[in-house]
N, C-alpha and C. Protein backbone atom coordinates (compact mmCIF):
# COMPACT_ATOMS: atom_id res chain seq x y z
N MET A 1 4.29 -23.39 0.11
CA MET A 1 4.10 -21.98 -0.16
C MET A 1 4.92 -21.61 -1.41
N ASN A 2 4.24 -21.07 -2.42
CA ASN A 2 4.92 -20.66 -3.65
C ASN A 2 5.56 -19.30 -3.47
N THR A 3 6.82 -19.21 -3.84
CA THR A 3 7.53 -17.92 -3.75
C THR A 3 8.00 -17.51 -5.14
N PHE A 4 8.29 -16.21 -5.28
CA PHE A 4 8.80 -15.70 -6.55
C PHE A 4 9.67 -14.49 -6.27
N ASP A 5 10.49 -14.15 -7.25
CA ASP A 5 11.40 -13.01 -7.14
C ASP A 5 10.64 -11.72 -7.47
N LEU A 6 10.86 -10.69 -6.67
CA LEU A 6 10.16 -9.43 -6.87
C LEU A 6 11.09 -8.26 -6.57
N ALA A 7 11.17 -7.30 -7.50
CA ALA A 7 11.92 -6.08 -7.25
C ALA A 7 11.18 -5.28 -6.18
N LEU A 8 11.92 -4.74 -5.22
CA LEU A 8 11.32 -4.01 -4.11
C LEU A 8 11.67 -2.53 -4.15
N PHE A 9 10.72 -1.71 -3.74
CA PHE A 9 10.89 -0.26 -3.69
C PHE A 9 10.56 0.15 -2.24
N PRO A 10 11.57 0.20 -1.37
CA PRO A 10 11.32 0.60 0.02
C PRO A 10 10.98 2.09 0.09
N LEU A 11 9.93 2.41 0.85
CA LEU A 11 9.48 3.79 1.00
C LEU A 11 9.25 4.11 2.48
N ALA A 12 9.19 5.39 2.79
CA ALA A 12 8.84 5.84 4.14
C ALA A 12 7.33 5.88 4.32
N SER A 13 6.59 5.41 3.32
CA SER A 13 5.12 5.35 3.34
C SER A 13 4.68 3.92 3.08
N VAL A 14 3.41 3.65 3.38
CA VAL A 14 2.85 2.32 3.18
C VAL A 14 1.85 2.37 2.03
N LEU A 15 2.03 1.53 1.04
CA LEU A 15 1.06 1.37 -0.04
C LEU A 15 0.06 0.29 0.38
N LEU A 16 -1.22 0.61 0.25
CA LEU A 16 -2.27 -0.32 0.66
C LEU A 16 -2.97 -0.91 -0.56
N PRO A 17 -3.53 -2.11 -0.43
CA PRO A 17 -4.28 -2.68 -1.54
C PRO A 17 -5.39 -1.73 -2.00
N GLY A 18 -5.45 -1.52 -3.32
CA GLY A 18 -6.46 -0.66 -3.91
C GLY A 18 -6.12 0.82 -3.91
N ALA A 19 -5.10 1.23 -3.19
CA ALA A 19 -4.76 2.65 -3.09
C ALA A 19 -3.96 3.11 -4.30
N LEU A 20 -4.11 4.38 -4.64
CA LEU A 20 -3.30 5.02 -5.67
C LEU A 20 -2.18 5.79 -4.99
N PHE A 21 -1.00 5.78 -5.61
CA PHE A 21 0.16 6.40 -4.98
C PHE A 21 1.05 6.97 -6.08
N ASP A 22 1.51 8.19 -5.90
CA ASP A 22 2.41 8.83 -6.87
C ASP A 22 3.85 8.74 -6.39
N LEU A 23 4.74 8.39 -7.31
CA LEU A 23 6.17 8.28 -7.00
C LEU A 23 6.98 9.17 -7.92
N ARG A 24 8.04 9.74 -7.39
CA ARG A 24 8.99 10.56 -8.13
C ARG A 24 10.22 9.69 -8.35
N ILE A 25 10.57 9.46 -9.60
CA ILE A 25 11.64 8.52 -9.94
C ILE A 25 12.84 9.29 -10.48
N PHE A 26 14.00 9.10 -9.83
CA PHE A 26 15.20 9.78 -10.33
C PHE A 26 16.47 8.94 -10.19
N GLU A 27 16.49 7.99 -9.26
CA GLU A 27 17.69 7.17 -9.11
C GLU A 27 17.76 6.16 -10.26
N PRO A 28 18.96 5.92 -10.81
CA PRO A 28 19.10 4.98 -11.93
C PRO A 28 18.50 3.60 -11.65
N ARG A 29 18.65 3.10 -10.42
CA ARG A 29 18.12 1.76 -10.12
C ARG A 29 16.60 1.72 -10.25
N TYR A 30 15.93 2.83 -9.90
CA TYR A 30 14.46 2.85 -10.00
C TYR A 30 14.00 3.19 -11.41
N LEU A 31 14.80 3.92 -12.15
CA LEU A 31 14.50 4.11 -13.57
C LEU A 31 14.57 2.76 -14.29
N ASP A 32 15.60 1.95 -13.95
CA ASP A 32 15.70 0.59 -14.49
C ASP A 32 14.48 -0.24 -14.11
N LEU A 33 14.05 -0.13 -12.85
CA LEU A 33 12.88 -0.87 -12.37
C LEU A 33 11.63 -0.51 -13.17
N VAL A 34 11.41 0.79 -13.36
CA VAL A 34 10.22 1.24 -14.11
C VAL A 34 10.29 0.72 -15.54
N ARG A 35 11.47 0.81 -16.16
CA ARG A 35 11.64 0.34 -17.53
C ARG A 35 11.33 -1.16 -17.63
N GLU A 36 11.89 -1.97 -16.71
CA GLU A 36 11.66 -3.42 -16.73
C GLU A 36 10.19 -3.77 -16.50
N CYS A 37 9.57 -3.11 -15.52
CA CYS A 37 8.17 -3.41 -15.21
C CYS A 37 7.25 -3.02 -16.37
N THR A 38 7.58 -1.92 -17.03
CA THR A 38 6.76 -1.48 -18.17
C THR A 38 6.93 -2.42 -19.35
N ARG A 39 8.18 -2.77 -19.64
CA ARG A 39 8.47 -3.64 -20.78
C ARG A 39 7.83 -5.02 -20.60
N GLU A 40 7.89 -5.54 -19.37
CA GLU A 40 7.41 -6.90 -19.11
C GLU A 40 6.00 -6.93 -18.52
N ASP A 41 5.37 -5.76 -18.39
CA ASP A 41 4.02 -5.64 -17.83
C ASP A 41 3.89 -6.41 -16.52
N ARG A 42 4.74 -6.05 -15.59
CA ARG A 42 4.69 -6.72 -14.28
C ARG A 42 4.75 -5.69 -13.16
N ALA A 43 4.41 -6.14 -11.98
CA ALA A 43 4.38 -5.28 -10.80
C ALA A 43 5.74 -5.33 -10.08
N PHE A 44 5.92 -4.38 -9.18
CA PHE A 44 7.04 -4.42 -8.25
C PHE A 44 6.46 -4.34 -6.84
N GLY A 45 7.29 -4.47 -5.83
CA GLY A 45 6.80 -4.46 -4.46
C GLY A 45 7.16 -3.18 -3.74
N VAL A 46 6.22 -2.65 -2.98
CA VAL A 46 6.49 -1.49 -2.12
C VAL A 46 6.45 -1.97 -0.67
N CYS A 47 7.50 -1.64 0.07
CA CYS A 47 7.60 -2.00 1.48
C CYS A 47 7.97 -0.78 2.29
N LEU A 48 7.46 -0.70 3.51
CA LEU A 48 7.86 0.36 4.43
C LEU A 48 9.32 0.17 4.81
N ILE A 49 10.06 1.26 4.89
CA ILE A 49 11.45 1.22 5.33
C ILE A 49 11.49 1.06 6.84
N LEU A 50 12.20 0.04 7.31
CA LEU A 50 12.40 -0.15 8.75
C LEU A 50 13.70 0.50 9.20
N ALA A 51 14.70 0.51 8.32
CA ALA A 51 15.98 1.14 8.63
C ALA A 51 16.59 1.61 7.32
N GLY A 52 17.19 2.79 7.35
CA GLY A 52 17.80 3.35 6.15
C GLY A 52 16.96 4.49 5.60
N GLN A 53 17.26 4.87 4.35
CA GLN A 53 16.62 6.01 3.70
C GLN A 53 16.07 5.59 2.34
N GLU A 54 15.19 6.42 1.79
CA GLU A 54 14.65 6.15 0.46
C GLU A 54 15.71 6.31 -0.62
N VAL A 55 16.67 7.19 -0.38
CA VAL A 55 17.71 7.49 -1.36
C VAL A 55 19.04 6.96 -0.86
N GLY A 56 19.85 6.45 -1.76
CA GLY A 56 21.19 5.98 -1.39
C GLY A 56 21.23 4.47 -1.22
N ALA A 57 21.96 4.03 -0.18
CA ALA A 57 22.15 2.60 0.06
C ALA A 57 20.80 1.90 0.24
N PRO A 58 20.72 0.62 -0.18
CA PRO A 58 19.46 -0.11 -0.02
C PRO A 58 18.99 -0.12 1.43
N ALA A 59 17.71 0.16 1.63
CA ALA A 59 17.12 0.20 2.97
C ALA A 59 16.66 -1.18 3.39
N VAL A 60 16.38 -1.32 4.68
CA VAL A 60 15.83 -2.57 5.21
C VAL A 60 14.31 -2.48 5.13
N PRO A 61 13.67 -3.38 4.36
CA PRO A 61 12.21 -3.31 4.18
C PRO A 61 11.46 -4.09 5.25
N ALA A 62 10.21 -3.68 5.47
CA ALA A 62 9.31 -4.45 6.34
C ALA A 62 9.05 -5.81 5.71
N ALA A 63 8.60 -6.75 6.54
CA ALA A 63 8.40 -8.12 6.08
C ALA A 63 7.15 -8.29 5.23
N VAL A 64 6.21 -7.33 5.30
CA VAL A 64 4.99 -7.41 4.50
C VAL A 64 4.88 -6.14 3.66
N GLY A 65 4.62 -6.32 2.37
CA GLY A 65 4.47 -5.19 1.46
C GLY A 65 3.29 -5.41 0.53
N THR A 66 3.19 -4.52 -0.45
CA THR A 66 2.06 -4.54 -1.39
C THR A 66 2.58 -4.49 -2.82
N LEU A 67 2.01 -5.30 -3.69
CA LEU A 67 2.34 -5.22 -5.11
C LEU A 67 1.89 -3.88 -5.66
N ALA A 68 2.72 -3.29 -6.51
CA ALA A 68 2.40 -2.00 -7.12
C ALA A 68 2.44 -2.16 -8.63
N ARG A 69 1.35 -1.78 -9.28
CA ARG A 69 1.29 -1.82 -10.74
C ARG A 69 1.25 -0.40 -11.27
N ILE A 70 2.14 -0.11 -12.23
CA ILE A 70 2.20 1.24 -12.82
C ILE A 70 0.97 1.44 -13.70
N ILE A 71 0.24 2.53 -13.43
CA ILE A 71 -0.96 2.81 -14.23
C ILE A 71 -0.85 4.11 -15.02
N ASP A 72 0.18 4.93 -14.72
CA ASP A 72 0.32 6.19 -15.46
C ASP A 72 1.74 6.72 -15.30
N PHE A 73 2.17 7.49 -16.31
CA PHE A 73 3.47 8.17 -16.31
C PHE A 73 3.23 9.65 -16.55
N HIS A 74 4.10 10.50 -16.05
CA HIS A 74 4.05 11.92 -16.37
C HIS A 74 5.40 12.56 -16.06
N THR A 75 5.63 13.70 -16.66
CA THR A 75 6.85 14.46 -16.38
C THR A 75 6.52 15.49 -15.32
N LEU A 76 7.29 15.49 -14.25
CA LEU A 76 7.07 16.42 -13.15
C LEU A 76 7.60 17.81 -13.52
N PRO A 77 7.17 18.86 -12.81
CA PRO A 77 7.64 20.22 -13.10
C PRO A 77 9.17 20.36 -13.09
N ASP A 78 9.84 19.53 -12.28
CA ASP A 78 11.32 19.60 -12.23
C ASP A 78 11.98 18.75 -13.31
N GLY A 79 11.16 18.18 -14.22
CA GLY A 79 11.69 17.39 -15.33
C GLY A 79 11.89 15.92 -15.03
N LEU A 80 11.68 15.51 -13.78
CA LEU A 80 11.86 14.11 -13.41
C LEU A 80 10.63 13.29 -13.79
N LEU A 81 10.80 11.98 -13.79
CA LEU A 81 9.72 11.06 -14.12
C LEU A 81 8.81 10.89 -12.91
N GLY A 82 7.51 11.02 -13.14
CA GLY A 82 6.52 10.71 -12.12
C GLY A 82 5.71 9.52 -12.58
N ILE A 83 5.43 8.61 -11.66
CA ILE A 83 4.57 7.48 -12.00
C ILE A 83 3.45 7.40 -10.97
N ARG A 84 2.32 6.88 -11.39
CA ARG A 84 1.22 6.58 -10.47
C ARG A 84 1.07 5.08 -10.46
N VAL A 85 1.02 4.52 -9.25
CA VAL A 85 0.85 3.08 -9.10
C VAL A 85 -0.43 2.80 -8.34
N GLN A 86 -0.93 1.58 -8.49
CA GLN A 86 -2.08 1.14 -7.70
C GLN A 86 -1.67 -0.10 -6.93
N GLY A 87 -2.04 -0.10 -5.65
CA GLY A 87 -1.72 -1.23 -4.79
C GLY A 87 -2.54 -2.45 -5.14
N GLY A 88 -1.89 -3.61 -5.12
CA GLY A 88 -2.56 -4.87 -5.41
C GLY A 88 -2.51 -5.78 -4.19
N ALA A 89 -2.13 -7.02 -4.42
CA ALA A 89 -2.09 -8.02 -3.35
C ALA A 89 -0.95 -7.73 -2.37
N ARG A 90 -1.13 -8.22 -1.17
CA ARG A 90 -0.06 -8.14 -0.16
C ARG A 90 0.88 -9.33 -0.34
N PHE A 91 2.13 -9.14 0.09
CA PHE A 91 3.09 -10.24 0.04
C PHE A 91 3.96 -10.21 1.29
N ARG A 92 4.59 -11.36 1.56
CA ARG A 92 5.52 -11.49 2.68
C ARG A 92 6.91 -11.73 2.12
N VAL A 93 7.89 -10.98 2.62
CA VAL A 93 9.27 -11.10 2.16
C VAL A 93 9.96 -12.19 2.96
N MET A 94 10.50 -13.18 2.24
CA MET A 94 11.21 -14.29 2.90
C MET A 94 12.72 -13.99 3.02
N HIS A 95 13.29 -13.50 1.92
CA HIS A 95 14.73 -13.18 1.87
C HIS A 95 14.91 -11.99 0.94
N THR A 96 15.99 -11.24 1.14
CA THR A 96 16.29 -10.14 0.22
C THR A 96 17.73 -10.28 -0.28
N ARG A 97 17.96 -9.65 -1.42
CA ARG A 97 19.31 -9.55 -1.98
C ARG A 97 19.39 -8.25 -2.75
N VAL A 98 20.61 -7.76 -2.95
CA VAL A 98 20.81 -6.51 -3.67
C VAL A 98 21.48 -6.82 -5.00
N ARG A 99 20.87 -6.37 -6.09
CA ARG A 99 21.47 -6.55 -7.41
C ARG A 99 22.66 -5.62 -7.59
N ASP A 100 23.44 -5.85 -8.61
CA ASP A 100 24.64 -5.04 -8.82
C ASP A 100 24.32 -3.57 -9.10
N ASN A 101 23.09 -3.26 -9.52
CA ASN A 101 22.73 -1.86 -9.75
C ASN A 101 22.17 -1.19 -8.49
N GLY A 102 22.18 -1.93 -7.35
CA GLY A 102 21.70 -1.38 -6.09
C GLY A 102 20.22 -1.61 -5.84
N LEU A 103 19.53 -2.26 -6.78
CA LEU A 103 18.10 -2.50 -6.62
C LEU A 103 17.87 -3.70 -5.69
N LEU A 104 17.00 -3.51 -4.73
CA LEU A 104 16.68 -4.56 -3.77
C LEU A 104 15.66 -5.52 -4.38
N HIS A 105 15.91 -6.81 -4.23
CA HIS A 105 14.98 -7.86 -4.68
C HIS A 105 14.63 -8.72 -3.49
N GLY A 106 13.43 -9.28 -3.51
CA GLY A 106 13.02 -10.17 -2.45
C GLY A 106 12.46 -11.46 -3.01
N GLU A 107 12.66 -12.52 -2.26
CA GLU A 107 11.96 -13.78 -2.52
C GLU A 107 10.68 -13.66 -1.69
N VAL A 108 9.54 -13.59 -2.34
CA VAL A 108 8.30 -13.26 -1.64
C VAL A 108 7.23 -14.31 -1.88
N ALA A 109 6.25 -14.35 -0.98
CA ALA A 109 5.07 -15.20 -1.11
C ALA A 109 3.85 -14.32 -0.91
N LEU A 110 2.83 -14.54 -1.74
CA LEU A 110 1.61 -13.75 -1.60
C LEU A 110 0.89 -14.12 -0.30
N CYS A 111 0.32 -13.11 0.34
CA CYS A 111 -0.47 -13.32 1.56
C CYS A 111 -1.87 -13.79 1.16
N THR A 112 -2.65 -14.15 2.14
CA THR A 112 -4.03 -14.56 1.92
C THR A 112 -4.76 -13.51 1.11
N LYS A 113 -5.45 -13.94 0.08
CA LYS A 113 -6.18 -13.01 -0.79
C LYS A 113 -7.40 -12.46 -0.08
N ASP A 114 -7.64 -11.16 -0.26
CA ASP A 114 -8.84 -10.54 0.30
C ASP A 114 -10.08 -11.07 -0.42
N ILE A 115 -11.07 -11.44 0.35
CA ILE A 115 -12.35 -11.86 -0.21
C ILE A 115 -13.41 -10.95 0.40
N ALA A 116 -14.21 -10.36 -0.47
CA ALA A 116 -15.26 -9.46 0.01
C ALA A 116 -16.15 -10.19 1.01
N GLN A 117 -16.45 -9.51 2.11
CA GLN A 117 -17.36 -10.07 3.10
C GLN A 117 -18.19 -8.96 3.71
N PRO A 118 -19.42 -9.29 4.13
CA PRO A 118 -20.31 -8.25 4.65
C PRO A 118 -19.72 -7.56 5.88
N LEU A 119 -19.94 -6.27 5.97
CA LEU A 119 -19.52 -5.49 7.12
C LEU A 119 -20.41 -5.85 8.30
N PRO A 120 -19.84 -6.37 9.40
CA PRO A 120 -20.68 -6.71 10.56
C PRO A 120 -21.36 -5.45 11.11
N PRO A 121 -22.58 -5.59 11.61
CA PRO A 121 -23.32 -4.43 12.11
C PRO A 121 -22.57 -3.63 13.17
N GLU A 122 -21.76 -4.30 13.99
CA GLU A 122 -21.05 -3.58 15.05
C GLU A 122 -19.97 -2.63 14.51
N TYR A 123 -19.67 -2.74 13.21
CA TYR A 123 -18.68 -1.84 12.60
C TYR A 123 -19.33 -0.87 11.60
N ALA A 124 -20.64 -0.75 11.64
CA ALA A 124 -21.35 0.15 10.72
C ALA A 124 -20.87 1.60 10.87
N LEU A 125 -20.50 2.00 12.09
CA LEU A 125 -20.02 3.37 12.31
C LEU A 125 -18.76 3.64 11.49
N LEU A 126 -17.92 2.63 11.30
CA LEU A 126 -16.70 2.81 10.50
C LEU A 126 -17.04 3.16 9.05
N ALA A 127 -18.07 2.53 8.51
CA ALA A 127 -18.50 2.85 7.14
C ALA A 127 -19.00 4.28 7.06
N THR A 128 -19.71 4.74 8.08
CA THR A 128 -20.22 6.11 8.11
C THR A 128 -19.05 7.11 8.19
N ILE A 129 -18.07 6.80 9.03
CA ILE A 129 -16.88 7.67 9.15
C ILE A 129 -16.15 7.73 7.81
N LEU A 130 -15.99 6.58 7.17
CA LEU A 130 -15.31 6.55 5.87
C LEU A 130 -16.08 7.36 4.84
N GLU A 131 -17.39 7.22 4.81
CA GLU A 131 -18.19 7.97 3.85
C GLU A 131 -17.99 9.48 4.04
N ARG A 132 -17.97 9.93 5.29
CA ARG A 132 -17.75 11.37 5.58
C ARG A 132 -16.35 11.80 5.15
N LEU A 133 -15.36 10.94 5.40
CA LEU A 133 -13.99 11.26 4.98
C LEU A 133 -13.91 11.42 3.46
N LEU A 134 -14.52 10.49 2.74
CA LEU A 134 -14.49 10.54 1.28
C LEU A 134 -15.22 11.77 0.76
N GLU A 135 -16.31 12.16 1.41
CA GLU A 135 -17.03 13.38 1.01
C GLU A 135 -16.15 14.61 1.20
N ARG A 136 -15.39 14.65 2.31
CA ARG A 136 -14.49 15.79 2.57
C ARG A 136 -13.36 15.87 1.55
N ILE A 137 -12.84 14.72 1.18
CA ILE A 137 -11.73 14.69 0.22
C ILE A 137 -12.19 15.26 -1.12
N GLY A 138 -13.42 14.96 -1.48
CA GLY A 138 -13.98 15.48 -2.74
C GLY A 138 -13.41 14.75 -3.94
N GLY A 139 -14.25 14.45 -4.89
CA GLY A 139 -13.80 13.79 -6.11
C GLY A 139 -13.67 12.29 -5.94
N PHE A 140 -13.00 11.87 -4.86
CA PHE A 140 -12.80 10.44 -4.66
C PHE A 140 -14.13 9.72 -4.42
N ALA A 141 -15.01 10.35 -3.66
CA ALA A 141 -16.27 9.70 -3.31
C ALA A 141 -17.07 9.32 -4.55
N ASP A 142 -16.98 10.14 -5.59
CA ASP A 142 -17.72 9.85 -6.82
C ASP A 142 -17.20 8.60 -7.53
N ALA A 143 -15.95 8.24 -7.27
CA ALA A 143 -15.34 7.11 -7.96
C ALA A 143 -15.73 5.76 -7.34
N TYR A 144 -16.31 5.80 -6.14
CA TYR A 144 -16.63 4.56 -5.44
C TYR A 144 -18.12 4.27 -5.50
N GLU A 145 -18.44 3.01 -5.60
CA GLU A 145 -19.84 2.60 -5.53
C GLU A 145 -20.25 2.52 -4.07
N ARG A 146 -21.45 2.98 -3.76
CA ARG A 146 -21.92 2.98 -2.37
C ARG A 146 -21.94 1.56 -1.79
N ALA A 147 -22.15 0.56 -2.63
CA ALA A 147 -22.21 -0.83 -2.15
C ALA A 147 -20.90 -1.25 -1.49
N LEU A 148 -19.79 -0.62 -1.87
CA LEU A 148 -18.50 -0.97 -1.28
C LEU A 148 -18.46 -0.67 0.22
N LEU A 149 -19.31 0.26 0.67
CA LEU A 149 -19.36 0.59 2.10
C LEU A 149 -19.92 -0.57 2.94
N ASP A 150 -20.43 -1.59 2.27
CA ASP A 150 -20.92 -2.78 2.96
C ASP A 150 -19.89 -3.91 2.97
N ASP A 151 -18.71 -3.67 2.40
CA ASP A 151 -17.66 -4.68 2.30
C ASP A 151 -16.60 -4.43 3.38
N ALA A 152 -16.46 -5.37 4.30
CA ALA A 152 -15.53 -5.23 5.42
C ALA A 152 -14.09 -5.00 4.96
N CYS A 153 -13.66 -5.72 3.91
CA CYS A 153 -12.29 -5.55 3.39
C CYS A 153 -12.08 -4.13 2.89
N TRP A 154 -12.99 -3.68 2.04
CA TRP A 154 -12.84 -2.37 1.40
C TRP A 154 -12.87 -1.25 2.43
N VAL A 155 -13.81 -1.31 3.37
CA VAL A 155 -13.91 -0.28 4.40
C VAL A 155 -12.61 -0.22 5.21
N GLY A 156 -12.09 -1.39 5.58
CA GLY A 156 -10.85 -1.43 6.36
C GLY A 156 -9.67 -0.82 5.62
N TRP A 157 -9.51 -1.17 4.34
CA TRP A 157 -8.39 -0.64 3.58
C TRP A 157 -8.52 0.86 3.35
N ARG A 158 -9.73 1.32 3.01
CA ARG A 158 -9.89 2.75 2.72
C ARG A 158 -9.76 3.60 3.99
N LEU A 159 -10.23 3.11 5.13
CA LEU A 159 -10.02 3.86 6.37
C LEU A 159 -8.54 3.91 6.71
N THR A 160 -7.86 2.80 6.54
CA THR A 160 -6.42 2.77 6.80
C THR A 160 -5.70 3.77 5.90
N GLU A 161 -6.18 3.88 4.67
CA GLU A 161 -5.57 4.82 3.71
C GLU A 161 -5.82 6.28 4.08
N HIS A 162 -7.03 6.62 4.53
CA HIS A 162 -7.41 8.02 4.67
C HIS A 162 -7.35 8.59 6.08
N LEU A 163 -7.28 7.74 7.10
CA LEU A 163 -7.15 8.28 8.46
C LEU A 163 -5.75 8.83 8.68
N PRO A 164 -5.60 9.84 9.53
CA PRO A 164 -4.26 10.40 9.81
C PRO A 164 -3.47 9.49 10.74
N LEU A 165 -2.90 8.44 10.17
CA LEU A 165 -2.16 7.45 10.94
C LEU A 165 -0.68 7.50 10.61
N PRO A 166 0.18 7.27 11.60
CA PRO A 166 1.61 7.15 11.28
C PRO A 166 1.86 5.89 10.45
N ALA A 167 2.95 5.90 9.72
CA ALA A 167 3.28 4.76 8.84
C ALA A 167 3.36 3.45 9.62
N THR A 168 3.85 3.49 10.85
CA THR A 168 3.97 2.25 11.62
C THR A 168 2.60 1.64 11.92
N GLU A 169 1.59 2.49 12.17
CA GLU A 169 0.23 1.98 12.39
C GLU A 169 -0.34 1.40 11.10
N ARG A 170 -0.11 2.10 9.98
CA ARG A 170 -0.58 1.57 8.69
C ARG A 170 0.06 0.21 8.40
N GLN A 171 1.37 0.11 8.71
CA GLN A 171 2.06 -1.15 8.48
C GLN A 171 1.46 -2.26 9.33
N HIS A 172 1.16 -1.96 10.58
CA HIS A 172 0.53 -2.96 11.45
C HIS A 172 -0.79 -3.45 10.86
N LEU A 173 -1.60 -2.51 10.37
CA LEU A 173 -2.89 -2.87 9.76
C LEU A 173 -2.70 -3.65 8.47
N LEU A 174 -1.66 -3.31 7.70
CA LEU A 174 -1.35 -4.05 6.47
C LEU A 174 -1.02 -5.51 6.77
N GLN A 175 -0.37 -5.75 7.88
CA GLN A 175 0.10 -7.08 8.22
C GLN A 175 -1.02 -7.99 8.76
N LEU A 176 -2.17 -7.42 9.11
CA LEU A 176 -3.28 -8.23 9.60
C LEU A 176 -3.95 -8.96 8.44
N ASP A 177 -4.10 -10.27 8.58
CA ASP A 177 -4.70 -11.07 7.50
C ASP A 177 -6.23 -11.03 7.51
N GLU A 178 -6.82 -10.83 8.67
CA GLU A 178 -8.27 -10.89 8.80
C GLU A 178 -8.90 -9.51 8.72
N PRO A 179 -9.83 -9.29 7.78
CA PRO A 179 -10.49 -7.98 7.66
C PRO A 179 -11.20 -7.54 8.94
N ILE A 180 -11.80 -8.48 9.67
CA ILE A 180 -12.52 -8.11 10.89
C ILE A 180 -11.53 -7.70 11.98
N ALA A 181 -10.38 -8.35 12.04
CA ALA A 181 -9.33 -7.94 12.99
C ALA A 181 -8.85 -6.53 12.66
N ARG A 182 -8.78 -6.22 11.35
CA ARG A 182 -8.38 -4.86 10.93
C ARG A 182 -9.41 -3.84 11.37
N LEU A 183 -10.69 -4.16 11.23
CA LEU A 183 -11.75 -3.25 11.66
C LEU A 183 -11.71 -3.04 13.18
N ALA A 184 -11.45 -4.11 13.92
CA ALA A 184 -11.35 -3.99 15.38
C ALA A 184 -10.18 -3.09 15.76
N ALA A 185 -9.05 -3.26 15.08
CA ALA A 185 -7.88 -2.41 15.35
C ALA A 185 -8.17 -0.96 14.98
N LEU A 186 -8.87 -0.73 13.88
CA LEU A 186 -9.23 0.63 13.49
C LEU A 186 -10.16 1.28 14.51
N THR A 187 -11.08 0.50 15.08
CA THR A 187 -11.97 1.03 16.11
C THR A 187 -11.17 1.50 17.32
N ARG A 188 -10.18 0.70 17.72
CA ARG A 188 -9.32 1.10 18.85
C ARG A 188 -8.51 2.36 18.51
N LEU A 189 -7.99 2.42 17.27
CA LEU A 189 -7.21 3.59 16.85
C LEU A 189 -8.08 4.84 16.82
N LEU A 190 -9.31 4.72 16.34
CA LEU A 190 -10.22 5.87 16.29
C LEU A 190 -10.53 6.37 17.69
N SER A 191 -10.71 5.45 18.64
CA SER A 191 -10.96 5.85 20.03
C SER A 191 -9.78 6.63 20.57
N ARG A 192 -8.58 6.16 20.25
CA ARG A 192 -7.37 6.86 20.71
C ARG A 192 -7.25 8.24 20.07
N ILE A 193 -7.51 8.31 18.74
CA ILE A 193 -7.43 9.60 18.03
C ILE A 193 -8.42 10.60 18.61
N GLN A 194 -9.65 10.14 18.91
CA GLN A 194 -10.67 11.03 19.45
C GLN A 194 -10.33 11.52 20.85
N SER A 195 -9.59 10.71 21.62
CA SER A 195 -9.25 11.11 22.98
C SER A 195 -8.04 12.03 23.04
N GLU A 196 -7.30 12.15 21.93
CA GLU A 196 -6.10 12.99 21.91
C GLU A 196 -6.45 14.46 21.72
């Protein structure tokens, strides 16, 4: 298994493959991270916080995270730096260490790469639910090709992104390697949500 060093950004949220996410950057360690990633055109890792806080001492990250690539910068109304990232491949954290500037680094290995596969007929309802969600959100639906609704990987990730799920449920779905297992878990979660 090939491993590599990756700067980590622990968050109280889960970044999913293909998802867009906005971050507010103000701590010196994360300003350094943004500067390094921009200069070297590389990604950093986003992991759910298992213990600790987003601000202050380094938090304890979940064992599986998502690569984040910076795609845009902007100045926020309060004058701070805002960045937009897009989720890429998933990775597994083997070991962590803290640099002298307080930035958390991990020795990580990439997880199994997602490969597009046909949506099984028994999960067609999930594609319909996702399509309705995207229509309600507005704007986003226009950015997606309808053919993606036939891809089990894409449907699973986008439902995980847009359903009202707690971060721990999103993390569980992120950690599943099999797209069909993710769809099965989403079906169970939807049944629970509907019964609440």
